[in-house]
N, C-alpha and C. Protein backbone atom coordinates (compact mmCIF):
# COMPACT_ATOMS: atom_id res chain seq x y z
N MET A 1 0.84 -1.16 0.01
CA MET A 1 0.02 -0.04 -0.02
C MET A 1 0.86 1.21 -0.02
N LYS A 2 0.72 2.02 -0.96
CA LYS A 2 1.42 3.32 -1.00
C LYS A 2 0.41 4.51 -0.92
N ILE A 3 0.83 5.56 -0.12
CA ILE A 3 -0.02 6.61 0.15
C ILE A 3 0.76 7.96 -0.29
N ALA A 4 0.17 8.78 -1.13
CA ALA A 4 0.89 10.00 -1.50
C ALA A 4 0.80 10.94 -0.28
N PHE A 5 1.89 11.58 -0.08
CA PHE A 5 1.93 12.50 1.06
C PHE A 5 0.97 13.63 0.97
N LYS A 6 0.64 14.03 -0.31
CA LYS A 6 -0.27 15.20 -0.52
C LYS A 6 -1.70 14.77 -0.24
N LYS A 7 -2.03 13.39 -0.08
CA LYS A 7 -3.33 12.97 0.24
C LYS A 7 -3.62 13.14 1.73
N LEU A 8 -2.59 13.38 2.61
CA LEU A 8 -2.86 13.55 3.98
C LEU A 8 -3.30 14.93 4.36
N SER A 9 -4.17 14.95 5.45
CA SER A 9 -4.69 16.15 5.95
C SER A 9 -4.71 16.11 7.50
N SER A 10 -5.24 17.20 8.18
CA SER A 10 -5.33 17.20 9.58
C SER A 10 -6.26 16.15 10.10
N GLN A 11 -7.20 15.58 9.26
CA GLN A 11 -8.04 14.43 9.60
C GLN A 11 -7.35 13.19 9.34
N SER A 12 -7.30 12.36 10.39
CA SER A 12 -6.62 11.12 10.34
C SER A 12 -7.02 10.22 9.21
N LEU A 13 -6.10 9.57 8.50
CA LEU A 13 -6.19 8.63 7.49
C LEU A 13 -5.93 7.22 7.97
N HIS A 14 -6.91 6.33 7.94
CA HIS A 14 -6.77 4.99 8.45
C HIS A 14 -5.98 4.17 7.39
N PHE A 15 -5.12 3.29 7.88
CA PHE A 15 -4.36 2.32 6.97
C PHE A 15 -4.33 0.93 7.60
N GLU A 16 -4.27 -0.17 6.84
CA GLU A 16 -4.16 -1.43 7.34
C GLU A 16 -3.22 -2.22 6.16
N VAL A 17 -2.28 -2.86 6.64
CA VAL A 17 -1.31 -3.61 5.81
C VAL A 17 -1.01 -4.95 6.45
N ASN A 18 -0.98 -6.04 5.59
CA ASN A 18 -0.67 -7.37 6.01
C ASN A 18 0.65 -7.73 5.37
N ARG A 19 1.39 -8.56 6.14
CA ARG A 19 2.57 -9.26 5.69
C ARG A 19 2.85 -10.50 6.33
N ASP A 20 2.74 -11.60 5.65
CA ASP A 20 2.81 -12.98 6.23
C ASP A 20 1.73 -13.05 7.42
N ASN A 21 2.15 -13.10 8.60
CA ASN A 21 1.11 -13.34 9.69
C ASN A 21 1.09 -12.10 10.46
N ALA A 22 1.74 -10.88 9.98
CA ALA A 22 1.81 -9.62 10.80
C ALA A 22 0.66 -8.71 10.19
N PHE A 23 0.01 -7.97 11.05
CA PHE A 23 -1.07 -7.08 10.60
C PHE A 23 -0.62 -5.65 11.29
N PHE A 24 -0.48 -4.62 10.41
CA PHE A 24 -0.22 -3.35 10.75
C PHE A 24 -1.31 -2.37 10.41
N SER A 25 -1.91 -1.69 11.50
CA SER A 25 -3.06 -0.86 11.23
C SER A 25 -2.68 0.43 12.14
N GLY A 26 -3.44 1.47 11.71
CA GLY A 26 -3.25 2.78 12.42
C GLY A 26 -3.79 3.89 11.75
N GLU A 27 -3.24 5.08 12.07
CA GLU A 27 -3.60 6.26 11.42
C GLU A 27 -2.40 7.24 11.13
N LEU A 28 -2.59 7.93 9.99
CA LEU A 28 -1.67 8.91 9.66
C LEU A 28 -2.38 10.27 9.61
N THR A 29 -1.65 11.20 10.27
CA THR A 29 -2.24 12.62 10.46
C THR A 29 -1.23 13.65 10.05
N LEU A 30 -1.51 14.59 9.18
CA LEU A 30 -0.69 15.67 8.76
C LEU A 30 -0.46 16.58 9.96
N LYS A 31 0.75 16.93 10.37
CA LYS A 31 0.99 17.86 11.44
C LYS A 31 1.53 19.18 10.90
N LYS A 32 2.39 19.16 9.87
CA LYS A 32 2.79 20.41 9.20
C LYS A 32 2.65 19.97 7.69
N SER A 33 3.05 20.99 6.81
CA SER A 33 2.93 20.63 5.37
C SER A 33 3.85 19.60 4.93
N ASN A 34 4.89 19.39 5.68
CA ASN A 34 5.82 18.17 5.21
C ASN A 34 6.06 17.20 6.29
N LEU A 35 5.28 17.17 7.32
CA LEU A 35 5.54 16.22 8.58
C LEU A 35 4.10 15.60 8.96
N ALA A 36 4.23 14.39 9.04
CA ALA A 36 2.99 13.50 9.31
C ALA A 36 3.18 12.75 10.57
N GLN A 37 2.25 12.42 11.34
CA GLN A 37 2.34 11.48 12.46
C GLN A 37 1.84 10.17 12.20
N LEU A 38 2.45 9.13 12.45
CA LEU A 38 1.86 7.73 12.42
C LEU A 38 1.80 7.23 13.74
N ASN A 39 0.57 6.70 14.06
CA ASN A 39 0.33 5.94 15.30
C ASN A 39 -0.30 4.62 14.78
N GLY A 40 0.28 3.52 15.28
CA GLY A 40 -0.44 2.25 14.84
C GLY A 40 0.00 1.17 15.70
N THR A 41 -0.41 0.00 15.49
CA THR A 41 -0.14 -1.25 16.15
C THR A 41 0.15 -2.45 15.15
N ILE A 42 1.16 -3.18 15.45
CA ILE A 42 1.53 -4.41 14.76
C ILE A 42 1.10 -5.54 15.69
N THR A 43 0.30 -6.45 15.06
CA THR A 43 -0.17 -7.63 15.77
C THR A 43 -0.13 -8.83 14.96
N GLY A 44 -0.19 -9.97 15.39
CA GLY A 44 -0.06 -11.22 14.78
C GLY A 44 1.25 -11.91 15.34
N SER A 45 2.11 -12.41 14.31
CA SER A 45 3.10 -13.30 14.74
C SER A 45 4.17 -13.24 13.64
N ILE A 46 5.43 -13.51 14.07
CA ILE A 46 6.56 -13.62 13.09
C ILE A 46 7.34 -14.83 13.52
N SER A 47 8.15 -15.27 12.63
CA SER A 47 8.93 -16.49 12.85
C SER A 47 10.40 -15.82 13.04
N THR A 48 11.01 -16.22 14.31
CA THR A 48 12.33 -15.66 14.46
C THR A 48 13.18 -16.72 15.22
N PRO A 49 14.49 -16.75 15.01
CA PRO A 49 15.33 -17.76 15.61
C PRO A 49 15.72 -17.35 17.14
N CYS A 50 15.75 -18.32 17.87
CA CYS A 50 16.33 -18.17 19.22
C CYS A 50 17.74 -17.83 19.19
N ASP A 51 18.13 -16.83 19.92
CA ASP A 51 19.56 -16.31 19.88
C ASP A 51 20.59 -17.33 20.44
N LEU A 52 20.07 -18.21 21.20
CA LEU A 52 20.98 -19.28 21.77
C LEU A 52 21.05 -20.59 21.04
N CYS A 53 19.91 -21.04 20.74
CA CYS A 53 19.93 -22.43 20.02
C CYS A 53 19.61 -22.33 18.52
N ALA A 54 19.20 -21.07 18.05
CA ALA A 54 18.80 -20.93 16.57
C ALA A 54 17.62 -21.68 16.15
N GLU A 55 16.83 -22.11 16.96
CA GLU A 55 15.44 -22.98 16.60
C GLU A 55 14.55 -21.76 16.20
N GLU A 56 13.85 -21.93 15.09
CA GLU A 56 12.85 -21.01 14.62
C GLU A 56 11.68 -21.12 15.51
N VAL A 57 11.04 -19.97 16.05
CA VAL A 57 10.07 -20.07 16.92
C VAL A 57 9.13 -19.00 16.49
N GLU A 58 7.74 -19.30 16.52
CA GLU A 58 6.69 -18.31 16.21
C GLU A 58 6.55 -17.33 17.38
N ARG A 59 6.69 -16.13 17.19
CA ARG A 59 6.78 -15.17 18.23
C ARG A 59 5.40 -14.29 18.05
N SER A 60 4.61 -14.01 19.00
CA SER A 60 3.48 -13.27 18.91
C SER A 60 3.86 -11.78 18.99
N LEU A 61 3.05 -10.90 18.35
CA LEU A 61 3.20 -9.50 18.26
C LEU A 61 2.10 -8.74 18.83
N ASN A 62 2.40 -7.62 19.48
CA ASN A 62 1.36 -6.66 19.84
C ASN A 62 2.22 -5.44 20.28
N GLU A 63 2.69 -4.83 19.22
CA GLU A 63 3.68 -3.64 19.30
C GLU A 63 2.94 -2.24 18.95
N GLU A 64 3.10 -1.44 19.86
CA GLU A 64 2.62 -0.01 19.55
C GLU A 64 3.64 0.73 18.91
N ILE A 65 3.29 1.42 17.71
CA ILE A 65 4.27 2.00 16.80
C ILE A 65 3.83 3.58 16.74
N ALA A 66 4.83 4.45 16.93
CA ALA A 66 4.41 5.78 16.80
C ALA A 66 5.81 6.50 16.35
N PHE A 67 5.82 7.27 15.24
CA PHE A 67 6.85 8.07 14.80
C PHE A 67 6.28 9.16 13.71
N TYR A 68 7.14 9.99 13.35
CA TYR A 68 6.77 10.97 12.32
C TYR A 68 7.29 10.61 10.98
N LEU A 69 6.78 11.14 9.98
CA LEU A 69 7.14 10.95 8.60
C LEU A 69 7.43 12.30 7.91
N SER A 70 8.57 12.42 7.35
CA SER A 70 9.05 13.75 6.72
C SER A 70 8.85 13.56 5.24
N ASP A 71 8.25 14.42 4.48
CA ASP A 71 8.19 14.47 3.12
C ASP A 71 9.54 15.02 2.58
N GLY A 72 10.58 14.02 2.39
CA GLY A 72 11.91 14.54 2.05
C GLY A 72 12.80 14.59 3.31
N ILE A 73 13.91 15.35 3.06
CA ILE A 73 14.96 15.38 4.10
C ILE A 73 14.28 16.27 5.36
N TYR A 74 14.38 15.74 6.53
CA TYR A 74 13.83 16.42 7.73
C TYR A 74 14.88 17.38 8.17
N GLU A 75 14.42 18.73 8.15
CA GLU A 75 15.29 19.77 8.54
C GLU A 75 14.80 20.56 9.81
N GLY A 76 13.90 19.94 10.54
CA GLY A 76 13.27 20.53 11.68
C GLY A 76 14.34 20.50 12.95
N SER A 77 13.75 21.09 13.99
CA SER A 77 14.61 20.93 15.21
C SER A 77 14.56 19.54 15.91
N ASN A 78 14.95 19.40 17.02
CA ASN A 78 15.03 18.18 17.73
C ASN A 78 13.48 17.93 18.50
N GLU A 79 12.59 18.78 18.07
CA GLU A 79 11.20 18.78 18.68
C GLU A 79 10.62 17.24 18.36
N TRP A 80 10.93 16.76 17.17
CA TRP A 80 10.40 15.40 16.82
C TRP A 80 11.69 14.58 16.56
N MET A 81 11.85 13.67 17.47
CA MET A 81 13.14 12.79 17.44
C MET A 81 13.02 11.61 16.46
N ASP A 82 11.85 10.85 16.47
CA ASP A 82 11.64 9.71 15.63
C ASP A 82 11.06 10.12 14.29
N VAL A 83 11.93 10.52 13.37
CA VAL A 83 11.41 10.80 12.09
C VAL A 83 11.96 10.04 10.93
N VAL A 84 11.04 9.36 10.17
CA VAL A 84 11.44 8.63 9.01
C VAL A 84 11.27 9.56 7.74
N GLU A 85 12.37 9.67 6.92
CA GLU A 85 12.24 10.54 5.83
C GLU A 85 11.62 9.61 4.60
N VAL A 86 10.69 10.22 3.86
CA VAL A 86 10.05 9.60 2.72
C VAL A 86 10.49 10.13 1.45
N ASP A 87 10.88 9.19 0.49
CA ASP A 87 11.34 9.57 -0.82
C ASP A 87 10.25 9.73 -1.78
N HIS A 88 10.34 10.84 -2.65
CA HIS A 88 9.38 11.05 -3.82
C HIS A 88 7.95 11.25 -3.35
N SER A 89 7.69 11.81 -2.02
CA SER A 89 6.42 12.08 -1.58
C SER A 89 5.45 10.94 -1.52
N ILE A 90 6.03 9.71 -1.46
CA ILE A 90 5.09 8.50 -1.43
C ILE A 90 5.47 7.67 -0.21
N ILE A 91 4.57 7.47 0.67
CA ILE A 91 4.67 6.65 1.88
C ILE A 91 4.41 5.22 1.55
N ASP A 92 5.36 4.28 1.72
CA ASP A 92 5.30 2.92 1.28
C ASP A 92 4.99 2.16 2.67
N MET A 93 3.75 1.93 2.86
CA MET A 93 3.35 1.22 4.14
C MET A 93 3.86 -0.22 4.21
N ASN A 94 4.04 -0.89 3.10
CA ASN A 94 4.57 -2.28 3.17
C ASN A 94 6.10 -2.24 3.67
N GLU A 95 6.80 -1.17 3.00
CA GLU A 95 8.19 -1.07 3.42
C GLU A 95 8.33 -0.67 4.96
N LEU A 96 7.43 0.26 5.36
CA LEU A 96 7.50 0.59 6.97
C LEU A 96 7.10 -0.70 7.71
N LEU A 97 6.26 -1.48 7.35
CA LEU A 97 5.98 -2.73 8.13
C LEU A 97 7.18 -3.64 8.09
N ARG A 98 7.83 -3.85 6.93
CA ARG A 98 8.90 -4.69 6.87
C ARG A 98 10.08 -4.21 7.73
N SER A 99 10.36 -2.95 7.75
CA SER A 99 11.34 -2.28 8.51
C SER A 99 11.02 -2.44 10.05
N GLU A 100 9.73 -2.25 10.38
CA GLU A 100 9.51 -2.43 11.83
C GLU A 100 9.57 -3.98 12.35
N ILE A 101 9.23 -4.89 11.43
CA ILE A 101 9.46 -6.30 11.74
C ILE A 101 10.97 -6.56 11.98
N GLU A 102 11.76 -6.05 10.96
CA GLU A 102 13.19 -6.22 11.11
C GLU A 102 13.74 -5.71 12.42
N LEU A 103 13.21 -4.48 12.82
CA LEU A 103 13.58 -3.89 14.14
C LEU A 103 13.26 -4.88 15.26
N ILE A 104 12.04 -5.44 15.22
CA ILE A 104 11.67 -6.43 16.33
C ILE A 104 12.42 -7.63 16.36
N LYS A 105 12.75 -8.14 15.01
CA LYS A 105 13.57 -9.32 15.02
C LYS A 105 15.05 -9.04 15.51
N SER A 106 15.54 -7.81 15.47
CA SER A 106 16.91 -7.48 15.89
C SER A 106 16.99 -7.46 17.44
N ASP A 107 15.90 -7.47 18.10
CA ASP A 107 15.94 -7.57 19.60
C ASP A 107 16.41 -9.01 19.97
N TYR A 108 17.05 -9.04 21.17
CA TYR A 108 17.47 -10.52 21.78
C TYR A 108 16.18 -11.21 22.00
N PHE A 109 16.19 -12.41 21.55
CA PHE A 109 15.02 -13.39 21.80
C PHE A 109 15.51 -14.75 22.15
N CYS A 110 14.96 -15.19 23.27
CA CYS A 110 15.41 -16.58 23.86
C CYS A 110 14.02 -17.42 23.80
N CYS A 111 14.06 -18.63 23.28
CA CYS A 111 12.89 -19.48 23.36
C CYS A 111 12.67 -20.10 24.61
N LYS A 112 11.54 -20.73 24.87
CA LYS A 112 11.22 -21.20 26.21
C LYS A 112 12.05 -22.33 26.55
N ASN A 113 12.70 -23.12 25.66
CA ASN A 113 13.67 -24.20 26.01
C ASN A 113 14.96 -23.69 26.57
N CYS A 114 15.34 -22.40 26.06
CA CYS A 114 16.57 -21.89 26.39
C CYS A 114 16.59 -20.89 27.66
N GLU A 115 15.28 -20.54 28.03
CA GLU A 115 15.14 -19.59 29.09
C GLU A 115 15.63 -19.99 30.31
N GLY A 116 16.36 -19.13 31.03
CA GLY A 116 17.02 -19.51 32.35
C GLY A 116 18.21 -20.32 32.28
N THR A 117 18.78 -20.62 31.08
CA THR A 117 20.03 -21.33 30.84
C THR A 117 21.26 -20.23 31.37
N SER A 118 22.36 -20.87 31.58
CA SER A 118 23.36 -19.88 32.07
C SER A 118 23.78 -19.01 30.95
N LEU A 119 23.76 -19.43 29.70
CA LEU A 119 24.16 -18.51 28.62
C LEU A 119 23.05 -17.31 28.54
N ASP A 120 21.87 -17.67 28.82
CA ASP A 120 20.84 -16.53 28.86
C ASP A 120 21.07 -15.45 29.83
N ARG A 121 21.64 -15.90 30.99
CA ARG A 121 21.98 -14.89 32.03
C ARG A 121 23.15 -14.00 31.69
N GLU A 122 24.00 -14.43 30.75
CA GLU A 122 25.15 -13.56 30.44
C GLU A 122 24.70 -12.46 29.58
N PHE A 123 23.65 -12.59 28.74
CA PHE A 123 23.19 -11.48 27.98
C PHE A 123 22.39 -10.45 28.80
């Protein structure tokens, strides 16, 4: 799903995107002419390896997502810290979901079989 930045307004625009077993939904609201706020939730599940045994495990998701989107290079003050710059005035919701899933996967994860092992406590 792609959304043109110029389609956004001060009234929230609802979005929904699916990828595999993950579901991303929320709202986009224009805050300034080139800055929009995204508030959403990622639910469902992803397959991710345990960081200790590498066993693939289905991990449930219920993540609140909030950041700003800038139409082009963000040149504002530090007033908004979490800003994603959008190329060509098009917001690619599928790419944002993919990126958020990769961020979640990059967190340390230990499966139930490895929880409490001595290696787990070292991390």
